[in-house]
Amino acid sequence: MNSRLSACLLMVTALVGMVPSASRAADEKSDPTGTWVWSRELEGQMNRSVLKLANKDGKLTGTYRRGGQTVPIANGKFEKNELSFEAEGKFNEQKIRAKFHGKLSKDEINGDIDIVIEDNSLPLPWTAKRGVDLDDVTGTWKLKLEGANGNPIESTLKLTADGEALKGTYTGRIGEQPASELKLDGNQLSWQVAAERNGRKFKGAYKGKLEGNAIKGNLDFELGDNRGTMEFTGERTPAKADAGKSEGSTPKSDAKPAEKSSGIAAPKSRAIVSLKGRDEILTVHYAGTRKVTFSVYSLKGKPIAEHISLKTLQASYPAIYQAYRTSYADAWATKD
């Protein structure tokens, strides 16, 4: 074998040897942590599902929400861009277990869900995309268009959540109008407005990309016989978490008295605030200087998790944790 051929073989071997390393590096950079959304039609209605994941050394934790039910995931694993986990819930008072398996590719997961009901199972295809939850868009959006004369045209969009659907009101030069065709698709938010003023009809279709509390996109409009497209930007002021009692029963604090030491009783745990979300109520318990625990209840007062630490709240209930961290009650937070 001549020296030139030997050199070629060595180069090919070196290049082939580099492929697995590059592949491993890509795997290391891939991370399913975040919010994933998808929709599926059931009995003529589209149902939106939201999955929130946290990945730590290949172990997945998080929550799965569908049809108003939020449950923690179990047996979560992530390895070589493949993930799997299980979630349990109820449908018509019947226990259901769903086994998820998928492969992560950039901002999409493709795989299947095995729905297990008693001894029967139903496999379904599954495609989820990175997106945002309804909590990430509700509130007041201040929108701005660049006018023809350079002066900004300002308007507002107020959004609220009704179950898994959005409702909105748009206010601008055309007055206050309902925002119709509201859609949240991945990280894209779109809506339409229509009005008539002085005999002239206006129709506008907004579509923008969400980045945190900011949005940027295009407005396609019709004003009389004129049509065009304008760029718009916007910033959101999040809706404040409702604090107070739930409808129905009020969650009770089942805190146990602390053990006595040297004849002096330690302070008892007491609830200092309750933060009401769409599906749960978070109660913050205080027992002494910066000694804080957290309990999660359903809206009817049924315990979901009681007296857990901040770290457990973050790992097991990331959506509730995020809402808490953006509330005034966070002043009592402790990472101990």
C-alpha atoms as a PDB file:
ATOM      1  CA  MET A   1       0.000   0.000   0.000  1.00  0.00           C
ATOM      2  CA  ASN A   2       1.541   3.289  -1.075  1.00  0.00           C
ATOM      3  CA  SER A   3       1.928   6.232   1.258  1.00  0.00           C
ATOM      4  CA  ARG A   4      -0.731   8.370  -0.535  1.00  0.00           C
ATOM      5  CA  LEU A   5      -3.407   5.647  -0.133  1.00  0.00           C
ATOM      6  CA  SER A   6      -2.417   5.134   3.484  1.00  0.00           C
ATOM      7  CA  ALA A   7      -2.776   8.848   4.147  1.00  0.00           C
ATOM      8  CA  CYS A   8      -6.267   8.848   2.534  1.00  0.00           C
ATOM      9  CA  LEU A   9      -7.397   5.912   4.650  1.00  0.00           C
ATOM     10  CA  LEU A  10      -6.129   7.581   7.786  1.00  0.00           C
ATOM     11  CA  MET A  11      -8.048  10.750   6.900  1.00  0.00           C
ATOM     12  CA  VAL A  12     -11.268   8.826   6.226  1.00  0.00           C
ATOM     13  CA  THR A  13     -10.874   6.921   9.496  1.00  0.00           C
ATOM     14  CA  ALA A  14     -10.348  10.159  11.364  1.00  0.00           C
ATOM     15  CA  LEU A  15     -13.428  11.740   9.799  1.00  0.00           C
ATOM     16  CA  VAL A  16     -15.612   8.703  10.515  1.00  0.00           C
ATOM     17  CA  GLY A  17     -14.358   8.673  14.076  1.00  0.00           C
ATOM     18  CA  MET A  18     -15.414  12.272  14.475  1.00  0.00           C
ATOM     19  CA  VAL A  19     -19.062  11.617  13.568  1.00  0.00           C
ATOM     20  CA  PRO A  20     -20.122   9.943  16.839  1.00  0.00           C
ATOM     21  CA  SER A  21     -18.480  12.746  18.834  1.00  0.00           C
ATOM     22  CA  ALA A  22     -20.380  15.375  16.881  1.00  0.00           C
ATOM     23  CA  SER A  23     -23.551  13.384  17.325  1.00  0.00           C
ATOM     24  CA  ARG A  24     -22.979  13.163  21.058  1.00  0.00           C
ATOM     25  CA  ALA A  25     -22.370  16.889  21.215  1.00  0.00           C
ATOM     26  CA  ALA A  26     -25.680  17.486  19.439  1.00  0.00           C
ATOM     27  CA  ASP A  27     -27.420  15.166  21.910  1.00  0.00           C
ATOM     28  CA  GLU A  28     -25.901  17.048  24.816  1.00  0.00           C
ATOM     29  CA  LYS A  29     -27.220  20.354  23.484  1.00  0.00           C
ATOM     30  CA  SER A  30     -30.730  18.976  22.948  1.00  0.00           C
ATOM     31  CA  ASP A  31     -32.983  19.578  25.905  1.00  0.00           C
ATOM     32  CA  PRO A  32     -36.735  18.927  26.185  1.00  0.00           C
ATOM     33  CA  THR A  33     -37.061  21.398  29.077  1.00  0.00           C
ATOM     34  CA  GLY A  34     -39.856  23.856  28.371  1.00  0.00           C
ATOM     35  CA  THR A  35     -43.490  24.014  27.276  1.00  0.00           C
ATOM     36  CA  TRP A  36     -44.877  21.731  24.565  1.00  0.00           C
ATOM     37  CA  VAL A  37     -48.335  22.004  23.035  1.00  0.00           C
ATOM     38  CA  TRP A  38     -50.508  20.054  20.623  1.00  0.00           C
ATOM     39  CA  SER A  39     -54.171  19.699  19.692  1.00  0.00           C
ATOM     40  CA  ARG A  40     -56.325  16.712  18.838  1.00  0.00           C
ATOM     41  CA  GLU A  41     -59.913  16.527  17.643  1.00  0.00           C
ATOM     42  CA  LEU A  42     -62.253  14.588  19.915  1.00  0.00           C
ATOM     43  CA  GLU A  43     -65.956  14.251  19.258  1.00  0.00           C
ATOM     44  CA  GLY A  44     -65.906  17.165  16.846  1.00  0.00           C
ATOM     45  CA  GLN A  45     -64.009  19.508  19.200  1.00  0.00           C
ATOM     46  CA  MET A  46     -60.346  20.450  19.226  1.00  0.00           C
ATOM     47  CA  ASN A  47     -58.712  19.754  22.586  1.00  0.00           C
ATOM     48  CA  ARG A  48     -55.455  21.477  23.471  1.00  0.00           C
ATOM     49  CA  SER A  49     -52.822  19.698  25.533  1.00  0.00           C
ATOM     50  CA  VAL A  50     -49.968  21.353  27.393  1.00  0.00           C
ATOM     51  CA  LEU A  51     -46.866  19.523  28.591  1.00  0.00           C
ATOM     52  CA  LYS A  52     -44.275  21.222  30.796  1.00  0.00           C
ATOM     53  CA  LEU A  53     -40.970  19.412  31.206  1.00  0.00           C
ATOM     54  CA  ALA A  54     -37.816  19.832  33.244  1.00  0.00           C
ATOM     55  CA  ASN A  55     -34.771  17.686  32.429  1.00  0.00           C
ATOM     56  CA  LYS A  56     -32.014  16.957  34.908  1.00  0.00           C
ATOM     57  CA  ASP A  57     -29.375  14.391  34.002  1.00  0.00           C
ATOM     58  CA  GLY A  58     -31.817  12.422  31.866  1.00  0.00           C
ATOM     59  CA  LYS A  59     -34.629  12.403  34.422  1.00  0.00           C
ATOM     60  CA  LEU A  60     -37.799  14.158  33.303  1.00  0.00           C
ATOM     61  CA  THR A  61     -40.273  15.799  35.652  1.00  0.00           C
ATOM     62  CA  GLY A  62     -43.192  18.077  34.947  1.00  0.00           C
ATOM     63  CA  THR A  63     -46.921  18.298  34.397  1.00  0.00           C
ATOM     64  CA  TYR A  64     -49.417  17.349  31.706  1.00  0.00           C
ATOM     65  CA  ARG A  65     -52.688  19.227  31.246  1.00  0.00           C
ATOM     66  CA  ARG A  66     -55.633  18.366  29.078  1.00  0.00           C
ATOM     67  CA  GLY A  67     -59.345  19.108  29.371  1.00  0.00           C
ATOM     68  CA  GLY A  68     -58.912  21.057  32.601  1.00  0.00           C
ATOM     69  CA  GLN A  69     -57.011  18.244  34.334  1.00  0.00           C
ATOM     70  CA  THR A  70     -53.395  18.816  35.388  1.00  0.00           C
ATOM     71  CA  VAL A  71     -51.380  15.823  36.575  1.00  0.00           C
ATOM     72  CA  PRO A  72     -47.690  15.230  37.322  1.00  0.00           C
ATOM     73  CA  ILE A  73     -45.807  12.956  34.939  1.00  0.00           C
ATOM     74  CA  ALA A  74     -44.100   9.785  36.155  1.00  0.00           C
ATOM     75  CA  ASN A  75     -41.202   7.575  35.049  1.00  0.00           C
ATOM     76  CA  GLY A  76     -39.805  10.332  32.852  1.00  0.00           C
ATOM     77  CA  LYS A  77     -36.606   9.578  30.927  1.00  0.00           C
ATOM     78  CA  PHE A  78     -34.556  11.373  28.269  1.00  0.00           C
ATOM     79  CA  GLU A  79     -31.652   9.730  26.478  1.00  0.00           C
ATOM     80  CA  LYS A  80     -30.163  10.163  22.998  1.00  0.00           C
ATOM     81  CA  ASN A  81     -32.916  12.590  22.008  1.00  0.00           C
ATOM     82  CA  GLU A  82     -35.631  10.074  22.930  1.00  0.00           C
ATOM     83  CA  LEU A  83     -38.027  10.731  25.773  1.00  0.00           C
ATOM     84  CA  SER A  84     -40.710   8.753  27.565  1.00  0.00           C
ATOM     85  CA  PHE A  85     -43.024   9.269  30.518  1.00  0.00           C
ATOM     86  CA  GLU A  86     -46.454   8.307  31.863  1.00  0.00           C
ATOM     87  CA  ALA A  87     -49.459  10.289  33.032  1.00  0.00           C
ATOM     88  CA  GLU A  88     -52.666   9.217  34.727  1.00  0.00           C
ATOM     89  CA  GLY A  89     -56.065  10.856  34.614  1.00  0.00           C
ATOM     90  CA  LYS A  90     -59.810  10.255  34.483  1.00  0.00           C
ATOM     91  CA  PHE A  91     -62.402  10.365  31.726  1.00  0.00           C
ATOM     92  CA  ASN A  92     -66.067   9.893  32.680  1.00  0.00           C
ATOM     93  CA  GLU A  93     -64.879   8.663  36.104  1.00  0.00           C
ATOM     94  CA  GLN A  94     -62.785   5.991  34.424  1.00  0.00           C
ATOM     95  CA  LYS A  95     -59.066   5.780  35.175  1.00  0.00           C
ATOM     96  CA  ILE A  96     -56.813   6.271  32.167  1.00  0.00           C
ATOM     97  CA  ARG A  97     -53.057   5.832  31.884  1.00  0.00           C
ATOM     98  CA  ALA A  98     -51.163   7.344  28.959  1.00  0.00           C
ATOM     99  CA  LYS A  99     -47.679   6.184  27.980  1.00  0.00           C
ATOM    100  CA  PHE A 100     -45.775   8.742  25.913  1.00  0.00           C
ATOM    101  CA  HIS A 101     -42.772   8.031  23.713  1.00  0.00           C
ATOM    102  CA  GLY A 102     -41.186  10.416  21.245  1.00  0.00           C
ATOM    103  CA  LYS A 103     -38.026  11.665  19.612  1.00  0.00           C
ATOM    104  CA  LEU A 104     -36.871  15.246  20.008  1.00  0.00           C
ATOM    105  CA  SER A 105     -35.783  17.114  16.878  1.00  0.00           C
ATOM    106  CA  LYS A 106     -35.090  20.818  17.415  1.00  0.00           C
ATOM    107  CA  ASP A 107     -38.445  22.291  18.446  1.00  0.00           C
ATOM    108  CA  GLU A 108     -40.647  19.263  17.730  1.00  0.00           C
ATOM    109  CA  ILE A 109     -41.366  15.897  19.313  1.00  0.00           C
ATOM    110  CA  ASN A 110     -42.679  13.066  17.137  1.00  0.00           C
ATOM    111  CA  GLY A 111     -43.815   9.754  18.538  1.00  0.00           C
ATOM    112  CA  ASP A 112     -46.868   7.994  19.887  1.00  0.00           C
ATOM    113  CA  ILE A 113     -49.140   7.787  22.906  1.00  0.00           C
ATOM    114  CA  ASP A 114     -50.427   4.459  24.182  1.00  0.00           C
ATOM    115  CA  ILE A 115     -53.770   5.068  25.932  1.00  0.00           C
ATOM    116  CA  VAL A 116     -54.464   2.281  28.449  1.00  0.00           C
ATOM    117  CA  ILE A 117     -58.004   1.814  29.815  1.00  0.00           C
ATOM    118  CA  GLU A 118     -58.369  -1.268  32.001  1.00  0.00           C
ATOM    119  CA  ASP A 119     -56.983  -4.088  29.817  1.00  0.00           C
ATOM    120  CA  ASN A 120     -57.418  -2.261  26.512  1.00  0.00           C
ATOM    121  CA  SER A 121     -54.925   0.045  24.821  1.00  0.00           C
ATOM    122  CA  LEU A 122     -55.192   2.527  21.963  1.00  0.00           C
ATOM    123  CA  PRO A 123     -52.059   3.758  20.155  1.00  0.00           C
ATOM    124  CA  LEU A 124     -52.197   7.322  18.815  1.00  0.00           C
ATOM    125  CA  PRO A 125     -49.657   9.325  16.810  1.00  0.00           C
ATOM    126  CA  TRP A 126     -48.155  12.240  18.728  1.00  0.00           C
ATOM    127  CA  THR A 127     -46.567  15.460  17.505  1.00  0.00           C
ATOM    128  CA  ALA A 128     -45.824  18.267  19.949  1.00  0.00           C
ATOM    129  CA  LYS A 129     -44.215  21.639  19.288  1.00  0.00           C
ATOM    130  CA  ARG A 130     -42.485  24.090  21.556  1.00  0.00           C
ATOM    131  CA  GLY A 131     -44.921  26.795  22.483  1.00  0.00           C
ATOM    132  CA  VAL A 132     -46.378  28.880  25.238  1.00  0.00           C
ATOM    133  CA  ASP A 133     -49.147  28.304  27.742  1.00  0.00           C
ATOM    134  CA  LEU A 134     -52.236  30.466  28.019  1.00  0.00           C
ATOM    135  CA  ASP A 135     -50.823  32.022  31.176  1.00  0.00           C
ATOM    136  CA  ASP A 136     -47.969  33.369  29.045  1.00  0.00           C
ATOM    137  CA  VAL A 137     -50.294  35.471  26.866  1.00  0.00           C
ATOM    138  CA  THR A 138     -53.154  36.552  29.140  1.00  0.00           C
ATOM    139  CA  GLY A 139     -53.061  40.132  30.338  1.00  0.00           C
ATOM    140  CA  THR A 140     -52.892  43.457  28.500  1.00  0.00           C
ATOM    141  CA  TRP A 141     -50.866  43.865  25.326  1.00  0.00           C
ATOM    142  CA  LYS A 142     -49.860  47.379  24.282  1.00  0.00           C
ATOM    143  CA  LEU A 143     -49.526  47.306  20.498  1.00  0.00           C
ATOM    144  CA  LYS A 144     -47.789  49.786  18.236  1.00  0.00           C
ATOM    145  CA  LEU A 145     -47.930  50.321  14.471  1.00  0.00           C
ATOM    146  CA  GLU A 146     -45.690  52.665  12.517  1.00  0.00           C
ATOM    147  CA  GLY A 147     -47.957  55.252  10.850  1.00  0.00           C
ATOM    148  CA  ALA A 148     -47.486  56.646   7.368  1.00  0.00           C
ATOM    149  CA  ASN A 149     -46.262  59.980   8.748  1.00  0.00           C
ATOM    150  CA  GLY A 150     -43.885  58.343  11.215  1.00  0.00           C
ATOM    151  CA  ASN A 151     -46.208  58.749  14.163  1.00  0.00           C
ATOM    152  CA  PRO A 152     -47.009  55.524  16.039  1.00  0.00           C
ATOM    153  CA  ILE A 153     -50.541  54.148  16.046  1.00  0.00           C
ATOM    154  CA  GLU A 154     -51.234  52.580  19.433  1.00  0.00           C
ATOM    155  CA  SER A 155     -53.856  50.060  20.504  1.00  0.00           C
ATOM    156  CA  THR A 156     -54.415  47.483  23.234  1.00  0.00           C
ATOM    157  CA  LEU A 157     -55.425  43.837  23.305  1.00  0.00           C
ATOM    158  CA  LYS A 158     -56.758  42.421  26.565  1.00  0.00           C
ATOM    159  CA  LEU A 159     -56.720  38.624  26.775  1.00  0.00           C
ATOM    160  CA  THR A 160     -58.255  36.245  29.295  1.00  0.00           C
ATOM    161  CA  ALA A 161     -58.392  32.451  29.405  1.00  0.00           C
ATOM    162  CA  ASP A 162     -61.627  30.495  29.448  1.00  0.00           C
ATOM    163  CA  GLY A 163     -60.595  26.916  30.017  1.00  0.00           C
ATOM    164  CA  GLU A 164     -58.303  26.115  27.086  1.00  0.00           C
ATOM    165  CA  ALA A 165     -59.648  28.970  24.946  1.00  0.00           C
ATOM    166  CA  LEU A 166     -58.682  32.619  24.723  1.00  0.00           C
ATOM    167  CA  LYS A 167     -61.051  35.572  24.820  1.00  0.00           C
ATOM    168  CA  GLY A 168     -60.032  39.100  23.961  1.00  0.00           C
ATOM    169  CA  THR A 169     -61.018  42.731  23.521  1.00  0.00           C
ATOM    170  CA  TYR A 170     -59.238  45.043  21.093  1.00  0.00           C
ATOM    171  CA  THR A 171     -59.253  48.832  21.618  1.00  0.00           C
ATOM    172  CA  GLY A 172     -57.873  51.338  19.118  1.00  0.00           C
ATOM    173  CA  ARG A 173     -58.868  54.076  16.697  1.00  0.00           C
ATOM    174  CA  ILE A 174     -61.829  51.969  15.648  1.00  0.00           C
ATOM    175  CA  GLY A 175     -63.054  51.890  19.240  1.00  0.00           C
ATOM    176  CA  GLU A 176     -63.502  48.793  21.379  1.00  0.00           C
ATOM    177  CA  GLN A 177     -64.164  45.596  19.448  1.00  0.00           C
ATOM    178  CA  PRO A 178     -64.107  41.878  20.264  1.00  0.00           C
ATOM    179  CA  ALA A 179     -61.003  40.043  19.085  1.00  0.00           C
ATOM    180  CA  SER A 180     -62.166  37.075  17.031  1.00  0.00           C
ATOM    181  CA  GLU A 181     -60.427  33.972  15.678  1.00  0.00           C
ATOM    182  CA  LEU A 182     -57.983  34.027  18.575  1.00  0.00           C
ATOM    183  CA  LYS A 183     -55.423  31.256  18.094  1.00  0.00           C
ATOM    184  CA  LEU A 184     -52.290  30.230  19.948  1.00  0.00           C
ATOM    185  CA  ASP A 185     -50.251  27.930  17.704  1.00  0.00           C
ATOM    186  CA  GLY A 186     -46.862  27.090  19.154  1.00  0.00           C
ATOM    187  CA  ASN A 187     -45.282  30.502  19.714  1.00  0.00           C
ATOM    188  CA  GLN A 188     -47.572  32.245  17.199  1.00  0.00           C
ATOM    189  CA  LEU A 189     -50.517  34.355  18.358  1.00  0.00           C
ATOM    190  CA  SER A 190     -53.147  35.539  15.876  1.00  0.00           C
ATOM    191  CA  TRP A 191     -56.498  37.332  16.008  1.00  0.00           C
ATOM    192  CA  GLN A 192     -58.875  39.373  13.879  1.00  0.00           C
ATOM    193  CA  VAL A 193     -60.870  42.565  14.359  1.00  0.00           C
ATOM    194  CA  ALA A 194     -63.654  44.101  12.284  1.00  0.00           C
ATOM    195  CA  ALA A 195     -65.520  47.408  12.542  1.00  0.00           C
ATOM    196  CA  GLU A 196     -67.450  49.970  10.524  1.00  0.00           C
ATOM    197  CA  ARG A 197     -67.015  53.702  10.985  1.00  0.00           C
ATOM    198  CA  ASN A 198     -68.453  56.560   8.960  1.00  0.00           C
ATOM    199  CA  GLY A 199     -69.641  54.094   6.364  1.00  0.00           C
ATOM    200  CA  ARG A 200     -66.173  52.586   5.909  1.00  0.00           C
ATOM    201  CA  LYS A 201     -65.492  48.970   6.844  1.00  0.00           C
ATOM    202  CA  PHE A 202     -62.256  47.903   8.460  1.00  0.00           C
ATOM    203  CA  LYS A 203     -60.913  44.360   8.742  1.00  0.00           C
ATOM    204  CA  GLY A 204     -57.619  43.478  10.314  1.00  0.00           C
ATOM    205  CA  ALA A 205     -55.801  40.162  10.749  1.00  0.00           C
ATOM    206  CA  TYR A 206     -52.918  40.189  13.237  1.00  0.00           C
ATOM    207  CA  LYS A 207     -50.294  37.462  13.439  1.00  0.00           C
ATOM    208  CA  GLY A 208     -47.151  37.679  15.542  1.00  0.00           C
ATOM    209  CA  LYS A 209     -44.344  35.683  17.077  1.00  0.00           C
ATOM    210  CA  LEU A 210     -44.110  35.606  20.866  1.00  0.00           C
ATOM    211  CA  GLU A 211     -40.831  36.067  22.691  1.00  0.00           C
ATOM    212  CA  GLY A 212     -41.394  36.284  26.420  1.00  0.00           C
ATOM    213  CA  ASN A 213     -43.596  39.309  27.069  1.00  0.00           C
ATOM    214  CA  ALA A 214     -42.991  40.724  23.595  1.00  0.00           C
ATOM    215  CA  ILE A 215     -44.648  40.113  20.244  1.00  0.00           C
ATOM    216  CA  LYS A 216     -43.679  41.111  16.708  1.00  0.00           C
ATOM    217  CA  GLY A 217     -45.537  40.440  13.485  1.00  0.00           C
ATOM    218  CA  ASN A 218     -47.728  41.727  10.681  1.00  0.00           C
ATOM    219  CA  LEU A 219     -51.174  43.234  10.332  1.00  0.00           C
ATOM    220  CA  ASP A 220     -53.001  42.525   7.073  1.00  0.00           C
ATOM    221  CA  PHE A 221     -55.776  45.097   6.744  1.00  0.00           C
ATOM    222  CA  GLU A 222     -58.658  46.165   4.538  1.00  0.00           C
ATOM    223  CA  LEU A 223     -60.018  49.695   4.864  1.00  0.00           C
ATOM    224  CA  GLY A 224     -62.650  50.414   2.270  1.00  0.00           C
ATOM    225  CA  ASP A 225     -60.967  49.674  -1.052  1.00  0.00           C
ATOM    226  CA  ASN A 226     -57.473  49.906   0.414  1.00  0.00           C
ATOM    227  CA  ARG A 227     -55.476  46.852   1.377  1.00  0.00           C
ATOM    228  CA  GLY A 228     -52.025  46.482   2.801  1.00  0.00           C
ATOM    229  CA  THR A 229     -49.651  45.009   5.374  1.00  0.00           C
ATOM    230  CA  MET A 230     -48.016  46.769   8.297  1.00  0.00           C
ATOM    231  CA  GLU A 231     -45.540  45.598  10.899  1.00  0.00           C
ATOM    232  CA  PHE A 232     -46.506  45.765  14.554  1.00  0.00           C
ATOM    233  CA  THR A 233     -44.840  45.213  17.906  1.00  0.00           C
ATOM    234  CA  GLY A 234     -46.256  44.792  21.379  1.00  0.00           C
ATOM    235  CA  GLU A 235     -45.439  44.311  25.046  1.00  0.00           C
ATOM    236  CA  ARG A 236     -47.490  42.504  27.664  1.00  0.00           C
ATOM    237  CA  THR A 237     -48.420  43.342  31.206  1.00  0.00           C
ATOM    238  CA  PRO A 238     -49.275  39.906  32.688  1.00  0.00           C
ATOM    239  CA  ALA A 239     -52.606  39.367  34.410  1.00  0.00           C
ATOM    240  CA  LYS A 240     -52.264  39.360  38.182  1.00  0.00           C
ATOM    241  CA  ALA A 241     -52.885  36.066  39.928  1.00  0.00           C
ATOM    242  CA  ASP A 242     -56.230  36.033  41.710  1.00  0.00           C
ATOM    243  CA  ALA A 243     -55.689  35.684  45.442  1.00  0.00           C
ATOM    244  CA  GLY A 244     -58.362  34.568  47.848  1.00  0.00           C
ATOM    245  CA  LYS A 245     -60.829  31.794  48.440  1.00  0.00           C
ATOM    246  CA  SER A 246     -61.895  29.293  45.822  1.00  0.00           C
ATOM    247  CA  GLU A 247     -65.417  28.734  44.722  1.00  0.00           C
ATOM    248  CA  GLY A 248     -66.778  25.957  46.906  1.00  0.00           C
ATOM    249  CA  SER A 249     -64.614  24.973  49.822  1.00  0.00           C
ATOM    250  CA  THR A 250     -61.537  26.715  51.125  1.00  0.00           C
ATOM    251  CA  PRO A 251     -58.320  24.661  51.344  1.00  0.00           C
ATOM    252  CA  LYS A 252     -57.461  23.848  54.903  1.00  0.00           C
ATOM    253  CA  SER A 253     -53.999  24.018  56.349  1.00  0.00           C
ATOM    254  CA  ASP A 254     -53.311  20.654  57.951  1.00  0.00           C
ATOM    255  CA  ALA A 255     -50.016  21.808  59.404  1.00  0.00           C
ATOM    256  CA  LYS A 256     -48.883  19.870  62.446  1.00  0.00           C
ATOM    257  CA  PRO A 257     -47.488  21.711  65.467  1.00  0.00           C
ATOM    258  CA  ALA A 258     -43.705  21.742  65.540  1.00  0.00           C
ATOM    259  CA  GLU A 259     -41.975  19.673  68.188  1.00  0.00           C
ATOM    260  CA  LYS A 260     -41.133  21.439  71.416  1.00  0.00           C
ATOM    261  CA  SER A 261     -37.516  22.118  72.255  1.00  0.00           C
ATOM    262  CA  SER A 262     -36.204  23.103  75.704  1.00  0.00           C
ATOM    263  CA  GLY A 263     -39.779  23.687  76.833  1.00  0.00           C
ATOM    264  CA  ILE A 264     -40.350  26.439  74.267  1.00  0.00           C
ATOM    265  CA  ALA A 265     -42.878  25.690  71.520  1.00  0.00           C
ATOM    266  CA  ALA A 266     -41.704  26.368  67.932  1.00  0.00           C
ATOM    267  CA  PRO A 267     -43.971  28.591  65.835  1.00  0.00           C
ATOM    268  CA  LYS A 268     -46.895  26.801  64.217  1.00  0.00           C
ATOM    269  CA  SER A 269     -47.288  26.765  60.456  1.00  0.00           C
ATOM    270  CA  ARG A 270     -49.938  29.130  59.161  1.00  0.00           C
ATOM    271  CA  ALA A 271     -51.126  30.006  55.682  1.00  0.00           C
ATOM    272  CA  ILE A 272     -50.041  33.523  54.706  1.00  0.00           C
ATOM    273  CA  VAL A 273     -51.505  33.657  51.195  1.00  0.00           C
ATOM    274  CA  SER A 274     -53.420  31.580  48.651  1.00  0.00           C
ATOM    275  CA  LEU A 275     -52.878  32.130  44.933  1.00  0.00           C
ATOM    276  CA  LYS A 276     -55.753  30.957  42.762  1.00  0.00           C
ATOM    277  CA  GLY A 277     -55.012  29.797  39.203  1.00  0.00           C
ATOM    278  CA  ARG A 278     -57.271  28.348  36.531  1.00  0.00           C
ATOM    279  CA  ASP A 279     -56.912  24.766  37.743  1.00  0.00           C
ATOM    280  CA  GLU A 280     -55.298  24.880  41.184  1.00  0.00           C
ATOM    281  CA  ILE A 281     -54.825  26.903  44.334  1.00  0.00           C
ATOM    282  CA  LEU A 282     -51.355  27.331  45.790  1.00  0.00           C
ATOM    283  CA  THR A 283     -51.219  27.954  49.532  1.00  0.00           C
ATOM    284  CA  VAL A 284     -48.016  29.320  51.073  1.00  0.00           C
ATOM    285  CA  HIS A 285     -47.390  28.288  54.697  1.00  0.00           C
ATOM    286  CA  TYR A 286     -45.181  30.249  57.064  1.00  0.00           C
ATOM    287  CA  ALA A 287     -43.639  28.926  60.286  1.00  0.00           C
ATOM    288  CA  GLY A 288     -40.926  31.201  61.606  1.00  0.00           C
ATOM    289  CA  THR A 289     -38.291  33.313  59.904  1.00  0.00           C
ATOM    290  CA  ARG A 290     -38.172  32.365  56.203  1.00  0.00           C
ATOM    291  CA  LYS A 291     -39.489  28.901  56.974  1.00  0.00           C
ATOM    292  CA  VAL A 292     -41.907  28.328  54.091  1.00  0.00           C
ATOM    293  CA  THR A 293     -43.693  25.299  52.649  1.00  0.00           C
ATOM    294  CA  PHE A 294     -46.239  24.998  49.846  1.00  0.00           C
ATOM    295  CA  SER A 295     -49.487  23.082  49.337  1.00  0.00           C
ATOM    296  CA  VAL A 296     -51.369  22.581  46.069  1.00  0.00           C
ATOM    297  CA  TYR A 297     -55.158  22.056  46.036  1.00  0.00           C
ATOM    298  CA  SER A 298     -57.819  21.634  43.371  1.00  0.00           C
ATOM    299  CA  LEU A 299     -60.370  24.427  42.975  1.00  0.00           C
ATOM    300  CA  LYS A 300     -62.736  22.336  45.137  1.00  0.00           C
ATOM    301  CA  GLY A 301     -60.202  22.108  47.939  1.00  0.00           C
ATOM    302  CA  LYS A 302     -58.961  18.574  47.308  1.00  0.00           C
ATOM    303  CA  PRO A 303     -55.282  18.192  48.309  1.00  0.00           C
ATOM    304  CA  ILE A 304     -52.885  17.497  45.431  1.00  0.00           C
ATOM    305  CA  ALA A 305     -49.599  18.015  47.303  1.00  0.00           C
ATOM    306  CA  GLU A 306     -49.119  19.287  50.844  1.00  0.00           C
ATOM    307  CA  HIS A 307     -46.224  21.000  52.621  1.00  0.00           C
ATOM    308  CA  ILE A 308     -43.629  20.550  49.899  1.00  0.00           C
ATOM    309  CA  SER A 309     -40.432  22.554  49.502  1.00  0.00           C
ATOM    310  CA  LEU A 310     -39.770  25.250  46.915  1.00  0.00           C
ATOM    311  CA  LYS A 311     -37.463  22.889  45.021  1.00  0.00           C
ATOM    312  CA  THR A 312     -40.156  20.196  44.862  1.00  0.00           C
ATOM    313  CA  LEU A 313     -42.712  22.774  43.725  1.00  0.00           C
ATOM    314  CA  GLN A 314     -40.388  23.847  40.906  1.00  0.00           C
ATOM    315  CA  ALA A 315     -39.611  20.285  39.803  1.00  0.00           C
ATOM    316  CA  SER A 316     -43.093  18.782  40.050  1.00  0.00           C
ATOM    317  CA  TYR A 317     -45.335  21.770  39.294  1.00  0.00           C
ATOM    318  CA  PRO A 318     -43.335  24.163  37.067  1.00  0.00           C
ATOM    319  CA  ALA A 319     -46.388  26.154  35.913  1.00  0.00           C
ATOM    320  CA  ILE A 320     -47.543  26.813  39.486  1.00  0.00           C
ATOM    321  CA  TYR A 321     -43.961  27.604  40.497  1.00  0.00           C
ATOM    322  CA  GLN A 322     -43.641  30.182  37.720  1.00  0.00           C
ATOM    323  CA  ALA A 323     -46.916  31.855  38.710  1.00  0.00           C
ATOM    324  CA  TYR A 324     -45.732  32.002  42.315  1.00  0.00           C
ATOM    325  CA  ARG A 325     -42.339  33.473  41.376  1.00  0.00           C
ATOM    326  CA  THR A 326     -44.059  36.328  39.559  1.00  0.00           C
ATOM    327  CA  SER A 327     -46.380  37.106  42.485  1.00  0.00           C
ATOM    328  CA  TYR A 328     -45.875  39.353  45.467  1.00  0.00           C
ATOM    329  CA  ALA A 329     -45.852  36.292  47.738  1.00  0.00           C
ATOM    330  CA  ASP A 330     -42.386  35.452  46.415  1.00  0.00           C
ATOM    331  CA  ALA A 331     -40.995  37.775  49.083  1.00  0.00           C
ATOM    332  CA  TRP A 332     -41.385  34.812  51.465  1.00  0.00           C
ATOM    333  CA  ALA A 333     -39.500  32.392  49.191  1.00  0.00           C
ATOM    334  CA  THR A 334     -36.697  30.249  50.529  1.00  0.00           C
ATOM    335  CA  LYS A 335     -34.417  27.856  48.701  1.00  0.00           C
ATOM    336  CA  ASP A 336     -33.427  26.006  51.874  1.00  0.00           C
END
